Amino acid sequence: MTPPAHRRAVLRVAVRYALRYALLLAVLALTIGPFLWQLSTSLKGPGEDIYSYPPKLLPSDPTLHNYAEVADTIPVWDFALNSLKVAAANVLTNCAGAALAGYALARMRFRGRKVAVVAFVMAMLVPLESIMIAQFLLMRDLQLNNTLTGVVLPGCIGAMNVLLMRNAFAHLPYEVEEAAFVDGANAWQRFLRIALPSVKGTLAVVAVFAFMGAWDDFLWPLIVLSDQSNFTLTIGLNFLHGTFADNQRLVAAGSVIAVLPLIVMFACLQRYFFRGVGEGAVKG
């Protein structure tokens, strides 16, 4: 290859990489830009203009006074504790229920198995708003209105999570379980000791999705809860926004408080989360 042709090829590769990284930086800015702006606003003091132009991302005098004022104004930690209870219960029920249902659909042979899979797929197509009235009436008949149990129960096992676990179990080689069956392992032993440890990545995906869905849910807790002592964080922050609509610093501080548990949850499970793509492989 002649030197000019080589330089043109190198230039094309450089331009291609530059465009690729520029696109990635633009997506990154759109993804985390709003959170960084909220974090910056929550750390700015009352004497700093948050509407200045050009906008300043770094506070000139960072302070945690806004977080303390949020905690003094509304029982934000009580709301956060309620949300944590709901999210933890949602994670446990979804991981346990989806794993059991997914294993049964993937590994066990019984009449109506295909119909059950179709039913889970169809359940994903039903909008939540169309069944919310029926859910509310059911919670009322069970006398679970205005309780955290009533918040958790409708979403304790998600159809999407069941299908995720089913696909993970379906990709496991049958030979491993057949060998365990020959050695005398029953269905529970094969599930707990062989199948379940092999799908930790998918379990992490289910846990993250379940936690995020329960933590961020606003409409259903707003409908089923009426006592302020049972309010979740999303409902409590809505009251904060209505009370201090002119003080965006407090609203931003409340938003950061609501987002931090999700970041911690994902940071703890990210290793298993990204392993979910290669689920079902057998180690030698």
C-alpha atoms as a PDB file:
ATOM      1  CA  MET A   1       0.000   0.000   0.000  1.00  0.00           C
ATOM      2  CA  THR A   2       1.355   3.392  -0.984  1.00  0.00           C
ATOM      3  CA  PRO A   3       1.968   5.936   1.784  1.00  0.00           C
ATOM      4  CA  PRO A   4      -0.876   8.288   0.687  1.00  0.00           C
ATOM      5  CA  ALA A   5      -3.337   5.389   0.586  1.00  0.00           C
ATOM      6  CA  HIS A   6      -2.125   4.244   3.994  1.00  0.00           C
ATOM      7  CA  ARG A   7      -2.622   7.735   5.426  1.00  0.00           C
ATOM      8  CA  ARG A   8      -6.155   7.874   4.006  1.00  0.00           C
ATOM      9  CA  ALA A   9      -6.975   4.497   5.571  1.00  0.00           C
ATOM     10  CA  VAL A  10      -5.617   5.631   8.941  1.00  0.00           C
ATOM     11  CA  LEU A  11      -7.595   8.862   8.660  1.00  0.00           C
ATOM     12  CA  ARG A  12     -10.813   6.973   7.905  1.00  0.00           C
ATOM     13  CA  VAL A  13     -10.275   4.743  10.938  1.00  0.00           C
ATOM     14  CA  ALA A  14      -9.556   7.763  13.145  1.00  0.00           C
ATOM     15  CA  VAL A  15     -12.682   9.567  11.928  1.00  0.00           C
ATOM     16  CA  ARG A  16     -14.774   6.451  12.515  1.00  0.00           C
ATOM     17  CA  TYR A  17     -13.503   6.099  16.075  1.00  0.00           C
ATOM     18  CA  ALA A  18     -13.956   9.829  16.733  1.00  0.00           C
ATOM     19  CA  LEU A  19     -17.589   9.684  15.587  1.00  0.00           C
ATOM     20  CA  ARG A  20     -18.185   6.571  17.666  1.00  0.00           C
ATOM     21  CA  TYR A  21     -16.810   8.127  20.840  1.00  0.00           C
ATOM     22  CA  ALA A  22     -18.637  11.395  20.172  1.00  0.00           C
ATOM     23  CA  LEU A  23     -21.898   9.478  19.931  1.00  0.00           C
ATOM     24  CA  LEU A  24     -21.122   7.579  23.136  1.00  0.00           C
ATOM     25  CA  LEU A  25     -20.331  10.832  24.955  1.00  0.00           C
ATOM     26  CA  ALA A  26     -23.593  12.367  23.723  1.00  0.00           C
ATOM     27  CA  VAL A  27     -25.585   9.365  24.966  1.00  0.00           C
ATOM     28  CA  LEU A  28     -23.712   9.493  28.278  1.00  0.00           C
ATOM     29  CA  ALA A  29     -24.511  13.190  28.682  1.00  0.00           C
ATOM     30  CA  LEU A  30     -28.207  12.588  27.968  1.00  0.00           C
ATOM     31  CA  THR A  31     -28.284   9.652  30.393  1.00  0.00           C
ATOM     32  CA  ILE A  32     -26.514  10.998  33.455  1.00  0.00           C
ATOM     33  CA  GLY A  33     -26.751  14.720  32.708  1.00  0.00           C
ATOM     34  CA  PRO A  34     -30.099  15.261  34.493  1.00  0.00           C
ATOM     35  CA  PHE A  35     -28.918  13.368  37.570  1.00  0.00           C
ATOM     36  CA  LEU A  36     -25.682  15.357  37.751  1.00  0.00           C
ATOM     37  CA  TRP A  37     -27.671  18.588  37.446  1.00  0.00           C
ATOM     38  CA  GLN A  38     -30.011  17.525  40.250  1.00  0.00           C
ATOM     39  CA  LEU A  39     -27.027  16.574  42.402  1.00  0.00           C
ATOM     40  CA  SER A  40     -25.392  19.914  41.722  1.00  0.00           C
ATOM     41  CA  THR A  41     -28.608  21.798  42.525  1.00  0.00           C
ATOM     42  CA  SER A  42     -29.056  19.902  45.785  1.00  0.00           C
ATOM     43  CA  LEU A  43     -25.570  20.978  46.929  1.00  0.00           C
ATOM     44  CA  LYS A  44     -25.995  24.678  46.158  1.00  0.00           C
ATOM     45  CA  GLY A  45     -26.649  27.094  48.988  1.00  0.00           C
ATOM     46  CA  PRO A  46     -29.472  29.653  49.157  1.00  0.00           C
ATOM     47  CA  GLY A  47     -27.161  32.461  48.061  1.00  0.00           C
ATOM     48  CA  GLU A  48     -26.181  30.763  44.814  1.00  0.00           C
ATOM     49  CA  ASP A  49     -28.216  31.328  41.677  1.00  0.00           C
ATOM     50  CA  ILE A  50     -29.308  28.002  40.202  1.00  0.00           C
ATOM     51  CA  TYR A  51     -30.727  29.712  37.080  1.00  0.00           C
ATOM     52  CA  SER A  52     -27.523  31.490  36.067  1.00  0.00           C
ATOM     53  CA  TYR A  53     -26.459  31.499  32.427  1.00  0.00           C
ATOM     54  CA  PRO A  54     -24.280  29.846  31.389  1.00  0.00           C
ATOM     55  CA  PRO A  55     -25.239  27.185  33.931  1.00  0.00           C
ATOM     56  CA  LYS A  56     -22.659  26.158  36.516  1.00  0.00           C
ATOM     57  CA  LEU A  57     -22.461  22.454  37.231  1.00  0.00           C
ATOM     58  CA  LEU A  58     -20.043  22.704  40.162  1.00  0.00           C
ATOM     59  CA  PRO A  59     -21.379  24.540  43.250  1.00  0.00           C
ATOM     60  CA  SER A  60     -19.186  27.397  44.402  1.00  0.00           C
ATOM     61  CA  ASP A  61     -19.926  26.654  48.070  1.00  0.00           C
ATOM     62  CA  PRO A  62     -21.221  23.045  48.449  1.00  0.00           C
ATOM     63  CA  THR A  63     -23.493  22.405  51.408  1.00  0.00           C
ATOM     64  CA  LEU A  64     -25.627  19.577  52.796  1.00  0.00           C
ATOM     65  CA  HIS A  65     -28.118  21.979  54.350  1.00  0.00           C
ATOM     66  CA  ASN A  66     -30.778  21.124  51.749  1.00  0.00           C
ATOM     67  CA  TYR A  67     -30.740  17.442  52.742  1.00  0.00           C
ATOM     68  CA  ALA A  68     -31.064  18.315  56.412  1.00  0.00           C
ATOM     69  CA  GLU A  69     -33.952  20.682  55.626  1.00  0.00           C
ATOM     70  CA  VAL A  70     -35.755  17.980  53.670  1.00  0.00           C
ATOM     71  CA  ALA A  71     -35.421  15.605  56.630  1.00  0.00           C
ATOM     72  CA  ASP A  72     -36.671  18.312  59.006  1.00  0.00           C
ATOM     73  CA  THR A  73     -39.663  19.204  56.829  1.00  0.00           C
ATOM     74  CA  ILE A  74     -41.091  15.773  55.993  1.00  0.00           C
ATOM     75  CA  PRO A  75     -40.431  12.325  57.534  1.00  0.00           C
ATOM     76  CA  VAL A  76     -38.322  11.384  54.532  1.00  0.00           C
ATOM     77  CA  TRP A  77     -36.475   8.588  56.355  1.00  0.00           C
ATOM     78  CA  ASP A  78     -39.757   6.993  57.447  1.00  0.00           C
ATOM     79  CA  PHE A  79     -40.953   7.158  53.843  1.00  0.00           C
ATOM     80  CA  ALA A  80     -37.645   5.674  52.684  1.00  0.00           C
ATOM     81  CA  LEU A  81     -37.959   2.852  55.222  1.00  0.00           C
ATOM     82  CA  ASN A  82     -41.445   2.037  53.931  1.00  0.00           C
ATOM     83  CA  SER A  83     -40.132   2.005  50.367  1.00  0.00           C
ATOM     84  CA  LEU A  84     -37.248  -0.212  51.431  1.00  0.00           C
ATOM     85  CA  LYS A  85     -39.646  -2.692  53.060  1.00  0.00           C
ATOM     86  CA  VAL A  86     -41.792  -2.806  49.923  1.00  0.00           C
ATOM     87  CA  ALA A  87     -38.783  -3.117  47.607  1.00  0.00           C
ATOM     88  CA  ALA A  88     -37.108  -5.822  49.708  1.00  0.00           C
ATOM     89  CA  ALA A  89     -40.325  -7.853  49.880  1.00  0.00           C
ATOM     90  CA  ASN A  90     -40.783  -7.410  46.128  1.00  0.00           C
ATOM     91  CA  VAL A  91     -37.245  -8.622  45.443  1.00  0.00           C
ATOM     92  CA  LEU A  92     -37.616 -11.697  47.667  1.00  0.00           C
ATOM     93  CA  THR A  93     -40.998 -12.720  46.301  1.00  0.00           C
ATOM     94  CA  ASN A  94     -39.999 -12.152  42.684  1.00  0.00           C
ATOM     95  CA  CYS A  95     -36.698 -13.999  42.971  1.00  0.00           C
ATOM     96  CA  ALA A  96     -38.246 -16.964  44.787  1.00  0.00           C
ATOM     97  CA  GLY A  97     -41.512 -17.125  42.847  1.00  0.00           C
ATOM     98  CA  ALA A  98     -40.022 -16.433  39.416  1.00  0.00           C
ATOM     99  CA  ALA A  99     -37.236 -18.980  39.971  1.00  0.00           C
ATOM    100  CA  LEU A 100     -39.681 -21.701  41.021  1.00  0.00           C
ATOM    101  CA  ALA A 101     -42.138 -20.962  38.202  1.00  0.00           C
ATOM    102  CA  GLY A 102     -39.373 -20.602  35.623  1.00  0.00           C
ATOM    103  CA  TYR A 103     -37.800 -23.909  36.611  1.00  0.00           C
ATOM    104  CA  ALA A 104     -41.138 -25.682  36.426  1.00  0.00           C
ATOM    105  CA  LEU A 105     -41.883 -24.256  32.977  1.00  0.00           C
ATOM    106  CA  ALA A 106     -38.414 -25.042  31.634  1.00  0.00           C
ATOM    107  CA  ARG A 107     -37.632 -28.443  33.178  1.00  0.00           C
ATOM    108  CA  MET A 108     -40.772 -30.226  34.269  1.00  0.00           C
ATOM    109  CA  ARG A 109     -43.204 -31.982  31.968  1.00  0.00           C
ATOM    110  CA  PHE A 110     -46.855 -31.507  32.858  1.00  0.00           C
ATOM    111  CA  ARG A 111     -50.138 -31.019  31.056  1.00  0.00           C
ATOM    112  CA  GLY A 112     -50.795 -27.393  30.143  1.00  0.00           C
ATOM    113  CA  ARG A 113     -47.159 -26.261  30.302  1.00  0.00           C
ATOM    114  CA  LYS A 114     -47.294 -24.494  26.933  1.00  0.00           C
ATOM    115  CA  VAL A 115     -50.601 -22.896  27.850  1.00  0.00           C
ATOM    116  CA  ALA A 116     -49.026 -21.562  31.032  1.00  0.00           C
ATOM    117  CA  VAL A 117     -46.159 -20.013  29.048  1.00  0.00           C
ATOM    118  CA  VAL A 118     -48.655 -18.342  26.705  1.00  0.00           C
ATOM    119  CA  ALA A 119     -50.590 -17.067  29.726  1.00  0.00           C
ATOM    120  CA  PHE A 120     -47.454 -15.403  31.124  1.00  0.00           C
ATOM    121  CA  VAL A 121     -46.745 -13.817  27.747  1.00  0.00           C
ATOM    122  CA  MET A 122     -50.308 -12.503  27.503  1.00  0.00           C
ATOM    123  CA  ALA A 123     -50.078 -11.134  31.056  1.00  0.00           C
ATOM    124  CA  MET A 124     -47.213  -8.918  29.902  1.00  0.00           C
ATOM    125  CA  LEU A 125     -49.470  -7.390  27.239  1.00  0.00           C
ATOM    126  CA  VAL A 126     -52.159  -6.253  29.691  1.00  0.00           C
ATOM    127  CA  PRO A 127     -51.740  -2.584  30.710  1.00  0.00           C
ATOM    128  CA  LEU A 128     -51.531  -2.104  34.449  1.00  0.00           C
ATOM    129  CA  GLU A 129     -54.081   0.708  34.341  1.00  0.00           C
ATOM    130  CA  SER A 130     -56.727  -1.626  32.940  1.00  0.00           C
ATOM    131  CA  ILE A 131     -56.611  -3.962  35.961  1.00  0.00           C
ATOM    132  CA  MET A 132     -55.882  -1.436  38.691  1.00  0.00           C
ATOM    133  CA  ILE A 133     -59.528  -1.062  39.696  1.00  0.00           C
ATOM    134  CA  ALA A 134     -59.869  -4.835  40.011  1.00  0.00           C
ATOM    135  CA  GLN A 135     -56.700  -4.943  42.091  1.00  0.00           C
ATOM    136  CA  PHE A 136     -58.002  -2.205  44.360  1.00  0.00           C
ATOM    137  CA  LEU A 137     -61.308  -4.010  44.888  1.00  0.00           C
ATOM    138  CA  LEU A 138     -59.443  -7.238  45.642  1.00  0.00           C
ATOM    139  CA  MET A 139     -57.227  -5.502  48.217  1.00  0.00           C
ATOM    140  CA  ARG A 140     -60.322  -3.957  49.782  1.00  0.00           C
ATOM    141  CA  ASP A 141     -62.067  -7.333  50.016  1.00  0.00           C
ATOM    142  CA  LEU A 142     -58.942  -8.793  51.631  1.00  0.00           C
ATOM    143  CA  GLN A 143     -58.837  -5.807  54.021  1.00  0.00           C
ATOM    144  CA  LEU A 144     -55.328  -4.963  52.858  1.00  0.00           C
ATOM    145  CA  ASN A 145     -56.030  -1.365  51.844  1.00  0.00           C
ATOM    146  CA  ASN A 146     -53.715   1.160  53.467  1.00  0.00           C
ATOM    147  CA  THR A 147     -51.116  -1.514  54.251  1.00  0.00           C
ATOM    148  CA  LEU A 148     -47.680  -2.177  52.812  1.00  0.00           C
ATOM    149  CA  THR A 149     -48.780  -5.760  52.155  1.00  0.00           C
ATOM    150  CA  GLY A 150     -51.425  -4.383  49.817  1.00  0.00           C
ATOM    151  CA  VAL A 151     -48.693  -2.482  47.976  1.00  0.00           C
ATOM    152  CA  VAL A 152     -46.473  -5.562  47.596  1.00  0.00           C
ATOM    153  CA  LEU A 153     -49.018  -8.268  46.784  1.00  0.00           C
ATOM    154  CA  PRO A 154     -50.067  -7.316  43.200  1.00  0.00           C
ATOM    155  CA  GLY A 155     -46.453  -7.182  42.025  1.00  0.00           C
ATOM    156  CA  CYS A 156     -44.960  -9.990  44.088  1.00  0.00           C
ATOM    157  CA  ILE A 157     -44.327 -12.130  40.968  1.00  0.00           C
ATOM    158  CA  GLY A 158     -43.888 -10.469  37.582  1.00  0.00           C
ATOM    159  CA  ALA A 159     -44.633 -12.258  34.323  1.00  0.00           C
ATOM    160  CA  MET A 160     -41.478 -10.862  32.718  1.00  0.00           C
ATOM    161  CA  ASN A 161     -39.349 -12.197  35.561  1.00  0.00           C
ATOM    162  CA  VAL A 162     -40.876 -15.666  35.227  1.00  0.00           C
ATOM    163  CA  LEU A 163     -40.077 -15.731  31.507  1.00  0.00           C
ATOM    164  CA  LEU A 164     -36.525 -14.516  32.160  1.00  0.00           C
ATOM    165  CA  MET A 165     -35.947 -17.339  34.618  1.00  0.00           C
ATOM    166  CA  ARG A 166     -37.570 -19.865  32.292  1.00  0.00           C
ATOM    167  CA  ASN A 167     -35.214 -18.918  29.458  1.00  0.00           C
ATOM    168  CA  ALA A 168     -32.197 -19.096  31.781  1.00  0.00           C
ATOM    169  CA  PHE A 169     -33.125 -22.574  33.018  1.00  0.00           C
ATOM    170  CA  ALA A 170     -33.979 -23.726  29.497  1.00  0.00           C
ATOM    171  CA  HIS A 171     -30.407 -23.032  28.322  1.00  0.00           C
ATOM    172  CA  LEU A 172     -28.855 -25.291  30.959  1.00  0.00           C
ATOM    173  CA  PRO A 173     -27.673 -28.658  29.585  1.00  0.00           C
ATOM    174  CA  TYR A 174     -29.932 -31.545  30.550  1.00  0.00           C
ATOM    175  CA  GLU A 175     -26.963 -33.865  30.998  1.00  0.00           C
ATOM    176  CA  VAL A 176     -25.954 -32.228  34.280  1.00  0.00           C
ATOM    177  CA  GLU A 177     -29.342 -32.756  35.876  1.00  0.00           C
ATOM    178  CA  GLU A 178     -29.623 -36.244  34.414  1.00  0.00           C
ATOM    179  CA  ALA A 179     -26.383 -37.171  36.133  1.00  0.00           C
ATOM    180  CA  ALA A 180     -27.721 -35.784  39.412  1.00  0.00           C
ATOM    181  CA  PHE A 181     -30.955 -37.723  38.903  1.00  0.00           C
ATOM    182  CA  VAL A 182     -28.994 -40.933  38.404  1.00  0.00           C
ATOM    183  CA  ASP A 183     -27.152 -40.196  41.661  1.00  0.00           C
ATOM    184  CA  GLY A 184     -30.504 -40.024  43.449  1.00  0.00           C
ATOM    185  CA  ALA A 185     -31.147 -36.262  43.613  1.00  0.00           C
ATOM    186  CA  ASN A 186     -34.810 -35.314  43.715  1.00  0.00           C
ATOM    187  CA  ALA A 187     -36.371 -32.287  41.982  1.00  0.00           C
ATOM    188  CA  TRP A 188     -35.759 -29.930  44.922  1.00  0.00           C
ATOM    189  CA  GLN A 189     -32.105 -30.954  45.196  1.00  0.00           C
ATOM    190  CA  ARG A 190     -31.557 -30.522  41.457  1.00  0.00           C
ATOM    191  CA  PHE A 191     -33.207 -27.100  41.614  1.00  0.00           C
ATOM    192  CA  LEU A 192     -31.342 -25.804  44.669  1.00  0.00           C
ATOM    193  CA  ARG A 193     -27.898 -27.340  44.135  1.00  0.00           C
ATOM    194  CA  ILE A 194     -27.511 -27.440  40.351  1.00  0.00           C
ATOM    195  CA  ALA A 195     -29.931 -25.231  38.455  1.00  0.00           C
ATOM    196  CA  LEU A 196     -30.231 -22.218  40.773  1.00  0.00           C
ATOM    197  CA  PRO A 197     -26.466 -21.608  41.298  1.00  0.00           C
ATOM    198  CA  SER A 198     -26.048 -21.643  37.497  1.00  0.00           C
ATOM    199  CA  VAL A 199     -28.440 -18.719  36.902  1.00  0.00           C
ATOM    200  CA  LYS A 200     -27.110 -16.162  39.386  1.00  0.00           C
ATOM    201  CA  GLY A 201     -26.838 -13.577  36.635  1.00  0.00           C
ATOM    202  CA  THR A 202     -30.498 -13.809  35.709  1.00  0.00           C
ATOM    203  CA  LEU A 203     -31.445 -13.758  39.389  1.00  0.00           C
ATOM    204  CA  ALA A 204     -29.514 -10.509  39.704  1.00  0.00           C
ATOM    205  CA  VAL A 205     -31.400  -9.095  36.713  1.00  0.00           C
ATOM    206  CA  VAL A 206     -34.708 -10.071  38.305  1.00  0.00           C
ATOM    207  CA  ALA A 207     -33.638  -8.546  41.629  1.00  0.00           C
ATOM    208  CA  VAL A 208     -32.635  -5.243  40.031  1.00  0.00           C
ATOM    209  CA  PHE A 209     -35.829  -5.022  37.973  1.00  0.00           C
ATOM    210  CA  ALA A 210     -38.002  -5.915  40.974  1.00  0.00           C
ATOM    211  CA  PHE A 211     -36.270  -3.402  43.238  1.00  0.00           C
ATOM    212  CA  MET A 212     -36.480  -0.606  40.683  1.00  0.00           C
ATOM    213  CA  GLY A 213     -40.114  -1.323  39.905  1.00  0.00           C
ATOM    214  CA  ALA A 214     -41.140  -1.295  43.558  1.00  0.00           C
ATOM    215  CA  TRP A 215     -38.962   1.654  44.574  1.00  0.00           C
ATOM    216  CA  ASP A 216     -40.087   3.889  41.687  1.00  0.00           C
ATOM    217  CA  ASP A 217     -43.762   2.915  41.741  1.00  0.00           C
ATOM    218  CA  PHE A 218     -46.011   5.898  42.348  1.00  0.00           C
ATOM    219  CA  LEU A 219     -49.511   5.256  41.030  1.00  0.00           C
ATOM    220  CA  TRP A 220     -50.392   2.027  42.878  1.00  0.00           C
ATOM    221  CA  PRO A 221     -49.155   3.164  46.338  1.00  0.00           C
ATOM    222  CA  LEU A 222     -50.985   6.447  45.814  1.00  0.00           C
ATOM    223  CA  ILE A 223     -54.231   4.532  45.215  1.00  0.00           C
ATOM    224  CA  VAL A 224     -53.978   1.885  47.926  1.00  0.00           C
ATOM    225  CA  LEU A 225     -52.428   3.978  50.737  1.00  0.00           C
ATOM    226  CA  SER A 226     -54.216   6.724  52.653  1.00  0.00           C
ATOM    227  CA  ASP A 227     -52.362   6.926  55.969  1.00  0.00           C
ATOM    228  CA  GLN A 228     -49.270   9.144  55.850  1.00  0.00           C
ATOM    229  CA  SER A 229     -47.371   6.798  58.162  1.00  0.00           C
ATOM    230  CA  ASN A 230     -47.483   4.149  55.407  1.00  0.00           C
ATOM    231  CA  PHE A 231     -46.504   6.419  52.526  1.00  0.00           C
ATOM    232  CA  THR A 232     -43.597   5.350  50.355  1.00  0.00           C
ATOM    233  CA  LEU A 233     -40.838   7.711  49.325  1.00  0.00           C
ATOM    234  CA  THR A 234     -42.270   8.540  45.901  1.00  0.00           C
ATOM    235  CA  ILE A 235     -45.540   9.740  47.442  1.00  0.00           C
ATOM    236  CA  GLY A 236     -43.715  11.647  50.169  1.00  0.00           C
ATOM    237  CA  LEU A 237     -41.531  13.446  47.648  1.00  0.00           C
ATOM    238  CA  ASN A 238     -44.619  14.419  45.709  1.00  0.00           C
ATOM    239  CA  PHE A 239     -45.851  16.264  48.809  1.00  0.00           C
ATOM    240  CA  LEU A 240     -42.434  17.919  49.086  1.00  0.00           C
ATOM    241  CA  HIS A 241     -42.657  19.107  45.514  1.00  0.00           C
ATOM    242  CA  GLY A 242     -46.098  20.566  46.102  1.00  0.00           C
ATOM    243  CA  THR A 243     -45.021  22.349  49.282  1.00  0.00           C
ATOM    244  CA  PHE A 244     -41.729  23.731  47.993  1.00  0.00           C
ATOM    245  CA  ALA A 245     -42.384  24.125  44.276  1.00  0.00           C
ATOM    246  CA  ASP A 246     -40.432  27.410  44.346  1.00  0.00           C
ATOM    247  CA  ASN A 247     -37.380  25.881  46.108  1.00  0.00           C
ATOM    248  CA  GLN A 248     -35.799  23.576  43.573  1.00  0.00           C
ATOM    249  CA  ARG A 249     -32.871  22.903  45.907  1.00  0.00           C
ATOM    250  CA  LEU A 250     -35.070  20.902  48.284  1.00  0.00           C
ATOM    251  CA  VAL A 251     -36.799  19.119  45.415  1.00  0.00           C
ATOM    252  CA  ALA A 252     -33.391  18.180  43.966  1.00  0.00           C
ATOM    253  CA  ALA A 253     -32.188  16.945  47.363  1.00  0.00           C
ATOM    254  CA  GLY A 254     -35.266  14.743  47.703  1.00  0.00           C
ATOM    255  CA  SER A 255     -34.728  13.371  44.203  1.00  0.00           C
ATOM    256  CA  VAL A 256     -31.116  12.460  44.986  1.00  0.00           C
ATOM    257  CA  ILE A 257     -32.225  10.715  48.188  1.00  0.00           C
ATOM    258  CA  ALA A 258     -34.665   8.654  46.109  1.00  0.00           C
ATOM    259  CA  VAL A 259     -32.087   7.709  43.466  1.00  0.00           C
ATOM    260  CA  LEU A 260     -29.172   6.755  45.722  1.00  0.00           C
ATOM    261  CA  PRO A 261     -30.586   3.344  46.842  1.00  0.00           C
ATOM    262  CA  LEU A 262     -30.986   2.340  43.193  1.00  0.00           C
ATOM    263  CA  ILE A 263     -27.363   3.219  42.500  1.00  0.00           C
ATOM    264  CA  VAL A 264     -26.222   1.218  45.528  1.00  0.00           C
ATOM    265  CA  MET A 265     -28.398  -1.736  44.495  1.00  0.00           C
ATOM    266  CA  PHE A 266     -26.985  -1.807  40.974  1.00  0.00           C
ATOM    267  CA  ALA A 267     -23.411  -1.314  42.200  1.00  0.00           C
ATOM    268  CA  CYS A 268     -23.747  -4.348  44.466  1.00  0.00           C
ATOM    269  CA  LEU A 269     -25.224  -6.591  41.771  1.00  0.00           C
ATOM    270  CA  GLN A 270     -23.561  -5.308  38.605  1.00  0.00           C
ATOM    271  CA  ARG A 271     -21.058  -8.186  38.480  1.00  0.00           C
ATOM    272  CA  TYR A 272     -23.891 -10.730  38.402  1.00  0.00           C
ATOM    273  CA  PHE A 273     -26.100  -8.476  36.296  1.00  0.00           C
ATOM    274  CA  PHE A 274     -23.728  -8.431  33.334  1.00  0.00           C
ATOM    275  CA  ARG A 275     -23.065 -12.142  33.689  1.00  0.00           C
ATOM    276  CA  GLY A 276     -26.736 -12.770  32.900  1.00  0.00           C
ATOM    277  CA  VAL A 277     -25.987 -12.487  29.173  1.00  0.00           C
ATOM    278  CA  GLY A 278     -23.947 -15.677  29.201  1.00  0.00           C
ATOM    279  CA  GLU A 279     -26.250 -17.564  31.534  1.00  0.00           C
ATOM    280  CA  GLY A 280     -26.449 -21.314  31.185  1.00  0.00           C
ATOM    281  CA  ALA A 281     -22.776 -22.000  30.432  1.00  0.00           C
ATOM    282  CA  VAL A 282     -21.135 -24.903  32.200  1.00  0.00           C
ATOM    283  CA  LYS A 283     -17.737 -24.449  33.786  1.00  0.00           C
ATOM    284  CA  GLY A 284     -15.202 -27.158  33.231  1.00  0.00           C
END
